[in-house]
Amino acid sequence: MLDSLKQTGKNIGREIGRAWESLSEGWRELLSRSGDALTHFGRHREQARQDGGALAAFPSWSLLAGEVEETAKDIVVRVELPGINKEDCQITIDGNMLHVSGEKVFESETVDSTYHVMERAYGAFHRGIALPRSVNIERAEARYRNGVLTVRLPKEGSETARSIPVA
């Protein structure tokens, strides 16, 4: 009987170890792949007064997942911005940094409800994304569709490597 109990304890310990390792692996991947996507959503004082402090209970951090793709002619940046109106989003380029900022506005259809899950962040945000090379700012284009902001930035300079003779 005691041996059976010891074996059960070992099995439970092994399963807890596996679950912990899986959880740890998930967090490591999230931090290594999406560390820059973790974005702070700040609250404006006026907004806090208007909603009576309801936003204080919501998270102030969220992921704005993105990707940077390089083609032969362009750098293409895509950022997921669900729940944000395109009018509430600004894009600026400073050197080799693309800056996306804006505000995700909290809207509630009810006044006397209780939230049981609060995972969405609201407020002003800013996300900086490093570009892998110089781009032509004058020819940049942006579009927003289905919650995804796509910025197409034509590369500047020569497309291929070039040897320069020494005189």
N, C-alpha and C. Protein backbone atom coordinates (compact mmCIF):
# COMPACT_ATOMS: atom_id res chain seq x y z
N MET A 1 0.83 -1.19 0.00
CA MET A 1 0.00 0.00 0.00
C MET A 1 0.87 1.26 0.00
N LEU A 2 1.90 1.26 0.85
CA LEU A 2 2.79 2.42 0.94
C LEU A 2 3.56 2.61 -0.37
N ASP A 3 3.98 1.51 -1.00
CA ASP A 3 4.67 1.60 -2.29
C ASP A 3 3.76 2.19 -3.37
N SER A 4 2.52 1.80 -3.35
CA SER A 4 1.56 2.33 -4.32
C SER A 4 1.36 3.83 -4.12
N LEU A 5 1.30 4.27 -2.90
CA LEU A 5 1.14 5.68 -2.58
C LEU A 5 2.38 6.47 -3.01
N LYS A 6 3.57 5.91 -2.77
CA LYS A 6 4.81 6.55 -3.20
C LYS A 6 4.85 6.68 -4.72
N GLN A 7 4.46 5.63 -5.41
CA GLN A 7 4.44 5.65 -6.88
C GLN A 7 3.47 6.70 -7.40
N THR A 8 2.30 6.79 -6.78
CA THR A 8 1.32 7.80 -7.17
C THR A 8 1.89 9.20 -6.95
N GLY A 9 2.57 9.41 -5.84
CA GLY A 9 3.21 10.70 -5.55
C GLY A 9 4.26 11.04 -6.60
N LYS A 10 5.07 10.06 -7.00
CA LYS A 10 6.08 10.28 -8.04
C LYS A 10 5.43 10.66 -9.37
N ASN A 11 4.33 9.94 -9.71
CA ASN A 11 3.62 10.24 -10.96
C ASN A 11 3.04 11.65 -10.95
N ILE A 12 2.46 12.04 -9.84
CA ILE A 12 1.90 13.40 -9.72
C ILE A 12 3.02 14.42 -9.84
N GLY A 13 4.13 14.18 -9.17
CA GLY A 13 5.28 15.08 -9.25
C GLY A 13 5.81 15.21 -10.67
N ARG A 14 5.88 14.10 -11.38
CA ARG A 14 6.35 14.10 -12.76
C ARG A 14 5.40 14.91 -13.66
N GLU A 15 4.10 14.73 -13.48
CA GLU A 15 3.11 15.47 -14.28
C GLU A 15 3.14 16.97 -13.97
N ILE A 16 3.31 17.32 -12.72
CA ILE A 16 3.42 18.74 -12.35
C ILE A 16 4.69 19.32 -12.98
N GLY A 17 5.78 18.57 -12.97
CA GLY A 17 7.02 19.02 -13.60
C GLY A 17 6.85 19.25 -15.10
N ARG A 18 6.15 18.35 -15.76
CA ARG A 18 5.88 18.51 -17.20
C ARG A 18 5.03 19.75 -17.47
N ALA A 19 4.00 19.93 -16.67
CA ALA A 19 3.12 21.09 -16.85
C ALA A 19 3.90 22.38 -16.62
N TRP A 20 4.74 22.40 -15.58
CA TRP A 20 5.54 23.59 -15.28
C TRP A 20 6.52 23.88 -16.42
N GLU A 21 7.15 22.85 -16.96
CA GLU A 21 8.10 23.03 -18.07
C GLU A 21 7.39 23.57 -19.30
N SER A 22 6.19 23.06 -19.58
CA SER A 22 5.42 23.54 -20.72
C SER A 22 5.04 25.01 -20.54
N LEU A 23 4.60 25.37 -19.35
CA LEU A 23 4.26 26.76 -19.05
C LEU A 23 5.49 27.65 -19.15
N SER A 24 6.61 27.21 -18.61
CA SER A 24 7.85 27.98 -18.69
C SER A 24 8.29 28.17 -20.13
N GLU A 25 8.18 27.11 -20.93
CA GLU A 25 8.56 27.20 -22.34
C GLU A 25 7.68 28.22 -23.07
N GLY A 26 6.40 28.23 -22.77
CA GLY A 26 5.48 29.20 -23.38
C GLY A 26 5.86 30.63 -23.03
N TRP A 27 6.18 30.88 -21.76
CA TRP A 27 6.58 32.22 -21.34
C TRP A 27 7.90 32.63 -21.98
N ARG A 28 8.86 31.69 -22.06
CA ARG A 28 10.15 32.01 -22.70
C ARG A 28 9.94 32.40 -24.16
N GLU A 29 9.10 31.65 -24.88
CA GLU A 29 8.85 31.97 -26.28
C GLU A 29 8.13 33.31 -26.41
N LEU A 30 7.15 33.54 -25.56
CA LEU A 30 6.43 34.81 -25.59
C LEU A 30 7.40 35.98 -25.39
N LEU A 31 8.29 35.87 -24.42
CA LEU A 31 9.23 36.95 -24.15
C LEU A 31 10.26 37.10 -25.26
N SER A 32 10.76 35.99 -25.81
CA SER A 32 11.79 36.11 -26.84
C SER A 32 11.23 36.57 -28.18
N ARG A 33 10.05 36.11 -28.54
CA ARG A 33 9.47 36.47 -29.83
C ARG A 33 8.62 37.73 -29.78
N SER A 34 8.00 37.99 -28.65
CA SER A 34 7.02 39.07 -28.60
C SER A 34 7.34 40.12 -27.55
N GLY A 35 8.56 40.12 -27.04
CA GLY A 35 8.91 41.08 -26.00
C GLY A 35 8.66 42.51 -26.42
N ASP A 36 8.94 42.85 -27.69
CA ASP A 36 8.72 44.21 -28.16
C ASP A 36 7.24 44.49 -28.41
N ALA A 37 6.45 43.45 -28.55
CA ALA A 37 5.03 43.64 -28.82
C ALA A 37 4.26 44.00 -27.55
N LEU A 38 4.85 43.76 -26.39
CA LEU A 38 4.19 44.10 -25.13
C LEU A 38 4.12 45.62 -25.04
N THR A 39 2.94 46.17 -25.06
CA THR A 39 2.73 47.61 -25.20
C THR A 39 1.92 48.14 -24.03
N HIS A 40 2.35 49.28 -23.51
CA HIS A 40 1.64 49.92 -22.40
C HIS A 40 0.52 50.80 -22.95
N PHE A 41 -0.65 50.68 -22.36
CA PHE A 41 -1.79 51.51 -22.69
C PHE A 41 -2.02 52.46 -21.53
N GLY A 42 -1.73 53.75 -21.74
CA GLY A 42 -1.87 54.75 -20.69
C GLY A 42 -3.28 55.32 -20.65
N ARG A 43 -3.69 55.73 -19.48
CA ARG A 43 -5.01 56.33 -19.30
C ARG A 43 -4.87 57.85 -19.25
N HIS A 44 -5.75 58.54 -19.94
CA HIS A 44 -5.79 60.00 -19.85
C HIS A 44 -6.62 60.38 -18.63
N ARG A 45 -6.23 61.43 -17.96
CA ARG A 45 -6.97 61.87 -16.76
C ARG A 45 -8.44 62.15 -17.09
N GLU A 46 -8.67 62.82 -18.23
CA GLU A 46 -10.05 63.15 -18.61
C GLU A 46 -10.88 61.89 -18.78
N GLN A 47 -10.26 60.88 -19.41
CA GLN A 47 -10.98 59.63 -19.65
C GLN A 47 -11.29 58.93 -18.33
N ALA A 48 -10.35 58.97 -17.39
CA ALA A 48 -10.56 58.34 -16.08
C ALA A 48 -11.72 59.00 -15.35
N ARG A 49 -11.84 60.33 -15.48
CA ARG A 49 -12.94 61.04 -14.83
C ARG A 49 -14.27 60.69 -15.50
N GLN A 50 -14.27 60.58 -16.82
CA GLN A 50 -15.50 60.32 -17.56
C GLN A 50 -16.07 58.94 -17.28
N ASP A 51 -15.20 57.94 -17.19
CA ASP A 51 -15.73 56.59 -17.00
C ASP A 51 -15.87 56.23 -15.52
N GLY A 52 -15.63 57.17 -14.64
CA GLY A 52 -15.80 56.93 -13.21
C GLY A 52 -14.81 55.93 -12.65
N GLY A 53 -13.66 55.76 -13.30
CA GLY A 53 -12.64 54.85 -12.80
C GLY A 53 -12.83 53.41 -13.25
N ALA A 54 -13.81 53.15 -14.12
CA ALA A 54 -14.06 51.77 -14.57
C ALA A 54 -12.84 51.20 -15.28
N LEU A 55 -12.10 52.03 -16.02
CA LEU A 55 -10.93 51.53 -16.76
C LEU A 55 -9.80 51.10 -15.84
N ALA A 56 -9.80 51.57 -14.63
CA ALA A 56 -8.71 51.22 -13.71
C ALA A 56 -8.63 49.72 -13.48
N ALA A 57 -9.74 49.01 -13.61
CA ALA A 57 -9.76 47.57 -13.40
C ALA A 57 -9.24 46.80 -14.61
N PHE A 58 -9.20 47.43 -15.77
CA PHE A 58 -8.75 46.76 -16.98
C PHE A 58 -7.22 46.74 -17.05
N PRO A 59 -6.65 45.79 -17.78
CA PRO A 59 -5.19 45.73 -17.92
C PRO A 59 -4.67 47.00 -18.59
N SER A 60 -3.44 47.36 -18.24
CA SER A 60 -2.82 48.51 -18.89
C SER A 60 -1.70 48.06 -19.82
N TRP A 61 -1.52 46.76 -19.98
CA TRP A 61 -0.53 46.20 -20.91
C TRP A 61 -1.23 45.21 -21.82
N SER A 62 -0.81 45.18 -23.09
CA SER A 62 -1.37 44.24 -24.05
C SER A 62 -0.35 43.99 -25.15
N LEU A 63 -0.58 42.95 -25.93
CA LEU A 63 0.29 42.66 -27.06
C LEU A 63 -0.24 43.31 -28.33
N LEU A 64 0.62 44.04 -29.01
CA LEU A 64 0.33 44.53 -30.35
C LEU A 64 1.31 43.79 -31.25
N ALA A 65 0.92 42.58 -31.64
CA ALA A 65 1.80 41.71 -32.40
C ALA A 65 2.08 42.29 -33.78
N GLY A 66 3.31 42.14 -34.22
CA GLY A 66 3.69 42.68 -35.52
C GLY A 66 4.68 41.78 -36.23
N GLU A 67 4.96 42.15 -37.46
CA GLU A 67 5.96 41.46 -38.26
C GLU A 67 6.58 42.45 -39.23
N VAL A 68 7.85 42.23 -39.54
CA VAL A 68 8.56 43.05 -40.51
C VAL A 68 9.07 42.11 -41.58
N GLU A 69 8.62 42.35 -42.82
CA GLU A 69 8.99 41.51 -43.95
C GLU A 69 9.77 42.35 -44.95
N GLU A 70 10.83 41.78 -45.51
CA GLU A 70 11.62 42.48 -46.52
C GLU A 70 11.48 41.76 -47.85
N THR A 71 11.07 42.50 -48.86
CA THR A 71 11.00 41.98 -50.22
C THR A 71 12.15 42.61 -51.01
N ALA A 72 12.22 42.32 -52.29
CA ALA A 72 13.28 42.89 -53.12
C ALA A 72 13.20 44.42 -53.17
N LYS A 73 11.98 44.96 -53.08
CA LYS A 73 11.82 46.41 -53.23
C LYS A 73 11.35 47.13 -51.97
N ASP A 74 10.71 46.42 -51.05
CA ASP A 74 10.05 47.08 -49.92
C ASP A 74 10.37 46.44 -48.58
N ILE A 75 10.11 47.24 -47.55
CA ILE A 75 9.99 46.73 -46.18
C ILE A 75 8.50 46.82 -45.88
N VAL A 76 7.90 45.72 -45.47
CA VAL A 76 6.47 45.69 -45.16
C VAL A 76 6.31 45.39 -43.68
N VAL A 77 5.64 46.30 -42.98
CA VAL A 77 5.40 46.14 -41.55
C VAL A 77 3.91 45.94 -41.34
N ARG A 78 3.57 44.91 -40.58
CA ARG A 78 2.17 44.65 -40.24
C ARG A 78 2.05 44.61 -38.72
N VAL A 79 1.04 45.30 -38.21
CA VAL A 79 0.80 45.33 -36.76
C VAL A 79 -0.68 45.07 -36.52
N GLU A 80 -0.97 44.14 -35.63
CA GLU A 80 -2.36 43.85 -35.27
C GLU A 80 -2.85 44.91 -34.29
N LEU A 81 -3.93 45.60 -34.67
CA LEU A 81 -4.51 46.66 -33.83
C LEU A 81 -6.02 46.43 -33.68
N PRO A 82 -6.43 45.31 -33.10
CA PRO A 82 -7.87 45.04 -33.00
C PRO A 82 -8.57 46.05 -32.11
N GLY A 83 -9.76 46.44 -32.53
CA GLY A 83 -10.57 47.35 -31.73
C GLY A 83 -10.16 48.80 -31.83
N ILE A 84 -9.26 49.12 -32.74
CA ILE A 84 -8.79 50.50 -32.88
C ILE A 84 -9.28 51.02 -34.24
N ASN A 85 -9.87 52.19 -34.23
CA ASN A 85 -10.30 52.82 -35.48
C ASN A 85 -9.10 53.40 -36.18
N LYS A 86 -9.08 53.34 -37.50
CA LYS A 86 -7.94 53.85 -38.24
C LYS A 86 -7.74 55.34 -37.98
N GLU A 87 -8.81 56.06 -37.69
CA GLU A 87 -8.70 57.49 -37.39
C GLU A 87 -7.96 57.74 -36.08
N ASP A 88 -7.91 56.74 -35.20
CA ASP A 88 -7.26 56.88 -33.90
C ASP A 88 -5.82 56.37 -33.91
N CYS A 89 -5.24 56.22 -35.10
CA CYS A 89 -3.90 55.65 -35.24
C CYS A 89 -3.01 56.61 -36.02
N GLN A 90 -1.79 56.84 -35.51
CA GLN A 90 -0.82 57.70 -36.19
C GLN A 90 0.45 56.90 -36.47
N ILE A 91 1.08 57.22 -37.61
CA ILE A 91 2.32 56.55 -38.00
C ILE A 91 3.36 57.63 -38.26
N THR A 92 4.54 57.48 -37.67
CA THR A 92 5.65 58.37 -37.97
C THR A 92 6.90 57.52 -38.18
N ILE A 93 7.80 58.05 -39.00
CA ILE A 93 9.07 57.38 -39.24
C ILE A 93 10.17 58.35 -38.86
N ASP A 94 11.08 57.88 -38.01
CA ASP A 94 12.20 58.71 -37.58
C ASP A 94 13.46 57.86 -37.76
N GLY A 95 14.23 58.19 -38.79
CA GLY A 95 15.41 57.38 -39.10
C GLY A 95 14.97 55.99 -39.50
N ASN A 96 15.50 55.00 -38.81
CA ASN A 96 15.13 53.61 -39.09
C ASN A 96 14.13 53.05 -38.07
N MET A 97 13.33 53.94 -37.52
CA MET A 97 12.30 53.52 -36.57
C MET A 97 10.92 53.91 -37.09
N LEU A 98 10.02 52.95 -37.08
CA LEU A 98 8.63 53.20 -37.41
C LEU A 98 7.88 53.29 -36.08
N HIS A 99 7.14 54.35 -35.88
CA HIS A 99 6.39 54.55 -34.64
C HIS A 99 4.90 54.50 -34.95
N VAL A 100 4.19 53.65 -34.22
CA VAL A 100 2.74 53.54 -34.34
C VAL A 100 2.18 53.94 -32.99
N SER A 101 1.30 54.93 -33.00
CA SER A 101 0.68 55.36 -31.75
C SER A 101 -0.79 55.63 -32.00
N GLY A 102 -1.52 55.73 -30.92
CA GLY A 102 -2.94 56.00 -31.04
C GLY A 102 -3.64 55.78 -29.74
N GLU A 103 -4.92 55.52 -29.84
CA GLU A 103 -5.70 55.30 -28.64
C GLU A 103 -6.81 54.29 -28.91
N LYS A 104 -6.94 53.36 -28.00
CA LYS A 104 -8.03 52.38 -28.05
C LYS A 104 -9.06 52.84 -27.02
N VAL A 105 -10.23 53.22 -27.51
CA VAL A 105 -11.24 53.82 -26.66
C VAL A 105 -12.18 52.75 -26.10
N PHE A 106 -12.42 52.84 -24.81
CA PHE A 106 -13.34 51.93 -24.14
C PHE A 106 -14.77 52.38 -24.39
N GLU A 107 -15.60 51.46 -24.87
CA GLU A 107 -17.02 51.75 -25.08
C GLU A 107 -17.82 50.62 -24.46
N SER A 108 -18.79 50.99 -23.66
CA SER A 108 -19.62 49.99 -23.02
C SER A 108 -21.08 50.23 -23.39
N GLU A 109 -21.78 49.14 -23.65
CA GLU A 109 -23.19 49.25 -24.01
C GLU A 109 -24.08 49.22 -22.77
N THR A 110 -23.51 48.81 -21.64
CA THR A 110 -24.28 48.73 -20.41
C THR A 110 -23.59 49.52 -19.30
N VAL A 111 -24.36 49.87 -18.28
CA VAL A 111 -23.80 50.63 -17.17
C VAL A 111 -23.76 49.81 -15.89
N ASP A 112 -24.60 48.85 -15.78
CA ASP A 112 -24.71 48.09 -14.53
C ASP A 112 -24.32 46.63 -14.73
N SER A 113 -23.14 46.40 -15.28
CA SER A 113 -22.70 45.03 -15.53
C SER A 113 -21.47 44.70 -14.68
N THR A 114 -21.16 43.42 -14.62
CA THR A 114 -19.98 42.94 -13.90
C THR A 114 -19.10 42.19 -14.89
N TYR A 115 -17.83 42.55 -14.94
CA TYR A 115 -16.88 41.85 -15.81
C TYR A 115 -16.31 40.66 -15.06
N HIS A 116 -16.25 39.51 -15.73
CA HIS A 116 -15.65 38.31 -15.15
C HIS A 116 -14.30 38.00 -15.77
N VAL A 117 -14.07 38.51 -16.98
CA VAL A 117 -12.78 38.38 -17.66
C VAL A 117 -12.41 39.76 -18.17
N MET A 118 -11.19 40.20 -17.86
CA MET A 118 -10.71 41.51 -18.32
C MET A 118 -9.31 41.35 -18.88
N GLU A 119 -9.21 41.12 -20.18
CA GLU A 119 -7.92 40.90 -20.83
C GLU A 119 -7.57 41.98 -21.85
N ARG A 120 -8.51 42.83 -22.20
CA ARG A 120 -8.29 43.86 -23.21
C ARG A 120 -7.85 45.15 -22.53
N ALA A 121 -6.83 45.79 -23.10
CA ALA A 121 -6.32 47.05 -22.56
C ALA A 121 -6.89 48.20 -23.37
N TYR A 122 -7.08 49.34 -22.72
CA TYR A 122 -7.61 50.54 -23.37
C TYR A 122 -6.74 51.73 -22.99
N GLY A 123 -6.74 52.72 -23.87
CA GLY A 123 -6.01 53.95 -23.59
C GLY A 123 -5.05 54.27 -24.71
N ALA A 124 -4.18 55.26 -24.45
CA ALA A 124 -3.19 55.69 -25.44
C ALA A 124 -2.04 54.69 -25.46
N PHE A 125 -1.49 54.42 -26.65
CA PHE A 125 -0.39 53.47 -26.78
C PHE A 125 0.65 54.01 -27.75
N HIS A 126 1.84 53.42 -27.67
CA HIS A 126 2.92 53.72 -28.61
C HIS A 126 3.73 52.45 -28.79
N ARG A 127 4.02 52.13 -30.04
CA ARG A 127 4.86 50.95 -30.35
C ARG A 127 5.92 51.39 -31.34
N GLY A 128 7.18 51.16 -31.03
CA GLY A 128 8.29 51.46 -31.93
C GLY A 128 8.81 50.18 -32.55
N ILE A 129 9.04 50.20 -33.86
CA ILE A 129 9.52 49.01 -34.57
C ILE A 129 10.76 49.41 -35.37
N ALA A 130 11.87 48.74 -35.10
CA ALA A 130 13.11 49.02 -35.83
C ALA A 130 13.00 48.48 -37.25
N LEU A 131 13.42 49.30 -38.21
CA LEU A 131 13.44 48.88 -39.61
C LEU A 131 14.83 48.38 -39.96
N PRO A 132 14.94 47.32 -40.76
CA PRO A 132 16.25 46.72 -41.04
C PRO A 132 17.14 47.54 -41.98
N ARG A 133 16.58 48.54 -42.65
CA ARG A 133 17.37 49.36 -43.57
C ARG A 133 16.67 50.68 -43.82
N SER A 134 17.35 51.59 -44.52
CA SER A 134 16.78 52.89 -44.84
C SER A 134 15.63 52.74 -45.83
N VAL A 135 14.62 53.58 -45.66
CA VAL A 135 13.44 53.54 -46.53
C VAL A 135 13.16 54.92 -47.09
N ASN A 136 12.40 54.94 -48.17
CA ASN A 136 11.99 56.18 -48.80
C ASN A 136 10.68 56.62 -48.15
N ILE A 137 10.76 57.58 -47.24
CA ILE A 137 9.59 58.02 -46.48
C ILE A 137 8.54 58.64 -47.39
N GLU A 138 8.98 59.33 -48.42
CA GLU A 138 8.05 60.04 -49.32
C GLU A 138 7.12 59.07 -50.06
N ARG A 139 7.55 57.86 -50.28
CA ARG A 139 6.74 56.89 -51.04
C ARG A 139 6.07 55.85 -50.14
N ALA A 140 6.10 56.08 -48.85
CA ALA A 140 5.49 55.13 -47.91
C ALA A 140 3.97 55.13 -48.06
N GLU A 141 3.36 53.95 -47.87
CA GLU A 141 1.91 53.80 -47.95
C GLU A 141 1.43 52.99 -46.76
N ALA A 142 0.25 53.32 -46.27
CA ALA A 142 -0.32 52.57 -45.15
C ALA A 142 -1.78 52.27 -45.43
N ARG A 143 -2.22 51.11 -44.95
CA ARG A 143 -3.64 50.77 -45.04
C ARG A 143 -4.02 49.99 -43.79
N TYR A 144 -5.28 50.06 -43.45
CA TYR A 144 -5.80 49.41 -42.25
C TYR A 144 -7.02 48.61 -42.66
N ARG A 145 -6.93 47.29 -42.46
CA ARG A 145 -8.03 46.43 -42.86
C ARG A 145 -8.13 45.25 -41.90
N ASN A 146 -9.33 44.96 -41.46
CA ASN A 146 -9.60 43.82 -40.58
C ASN A 146 -8.73 43.82 -39.32
N GLY A 147 -8.48 45.01 -38.78
CA GLY A 147 -7.71 45.11 -37.54
C GLY A 147 -6.22 45.00 -37.71
N VAL A 148 -5.72 45.02 -38.95
CA VAL A 148 -4.29 44.91 -39.20
C VAL A 148 -3.83 46.16 -39.96
N LEU A 149 -2.85 46.85 -39.40
CA LEU A 149 -2.23 48.00 -40.05
C LEU A 149 -1.06 47.48 -40.88
N THR A 150 -1.04 47.80 -42.18
CA THR A 150 0.05 47.40 -43.07
C THR A 150 0.72 48.66 -43.60
N VAL A 151 2.03 48.77 -43.36
CA VAL A 151 2.80 49.91 -43.84
C VAL A 151 3.83 49.37 -44.83
N ARG A 152 3.77 49.88 -46.06
CA ARG A 152 4.70 49.47 -47.12
C ARG A 152 5.68 50.61 -47.32
N LEU A 153 6.97 50.30 -47.15
CA LEU A 153 8.03 51.30 -47.21
C LEU A 153 9.05 50.90 -48.28
N PRO A 154 9.08 51.62 -49.40
CA PRO A 154 10.07 51.30 -50.43
C PRO A 154 11.50 51.47 -49.88
N LYS A 155 12.35 50.52 -50.20
CA LYS A 155 13.74 50.59 -49.75
C LYS A 155 14.46 51.71 -50.50
N GLU A 156 15.41 52.29 -49.83
CA GLU A 156 16.19 53.36 -50.42
C GLU A 156 17.58 52.83 -50.75
N GLY A 157 18.17 53.33 -51.83
CA GLY A 157 19.52 52.90 -52.18
C GLY A 157 19.49 51.73 -53.14
N SER A 158 20.67 51.19 -53.42
CA SER A 158 20.77 50.12 -54.41
C SER A 158 20.20 48.83 -53.86
N GLU A 159 19.65 48.04 -54.75
CA GLU A 159 19.01 46.79 -54.38
C GLU A 159 20.01 45.65 -54.19
N THR A 160 21.18 45.76 -54.80
CA THR A 160 22.14 44.66 -54.74
C THR A 160 23.48 45.17 -54.23
N ALA A 161 24.33 44.25 -53.90
CA ALA A 161 25.68 44.60 -53.46
C ALA A 161 26.48 45.13 -54.65
N ARG A 162 27.45 45.97 -54.36
CA ARG A 162 28.25 46.57 -55.41
C ARG A 162 29.69 46.67 -54.94
N SER A 163 30.61 46.29 -55.81
CA SER A 163 32.05 46.43 -55.50
C SER A 163 32.49 47.82 -55.93
N ILE A 164 33.29 48.44 -55.10
CA ILE A 164 33.81 49.77 -55.41
C ILE A 164 35.32 49.65 -55.54
N PRO A 165 35.86 49.95 -56.72
CA PRO A 165 37.31 49.85 -56.90
C PRO A 165 38.04 50.92 -56.10
N VAL A 166 39.19 50.56 -55.58
CA VAL A 166 40.02 51.50 -54.82
C VAL A 166 40.96 52.18 -55.80
N ALA A 167 40.96 53.50 -55.83
CA ALA A 167 41.81 54.25 -56.77
C ALA A 167 43.16 54.52 -56.16
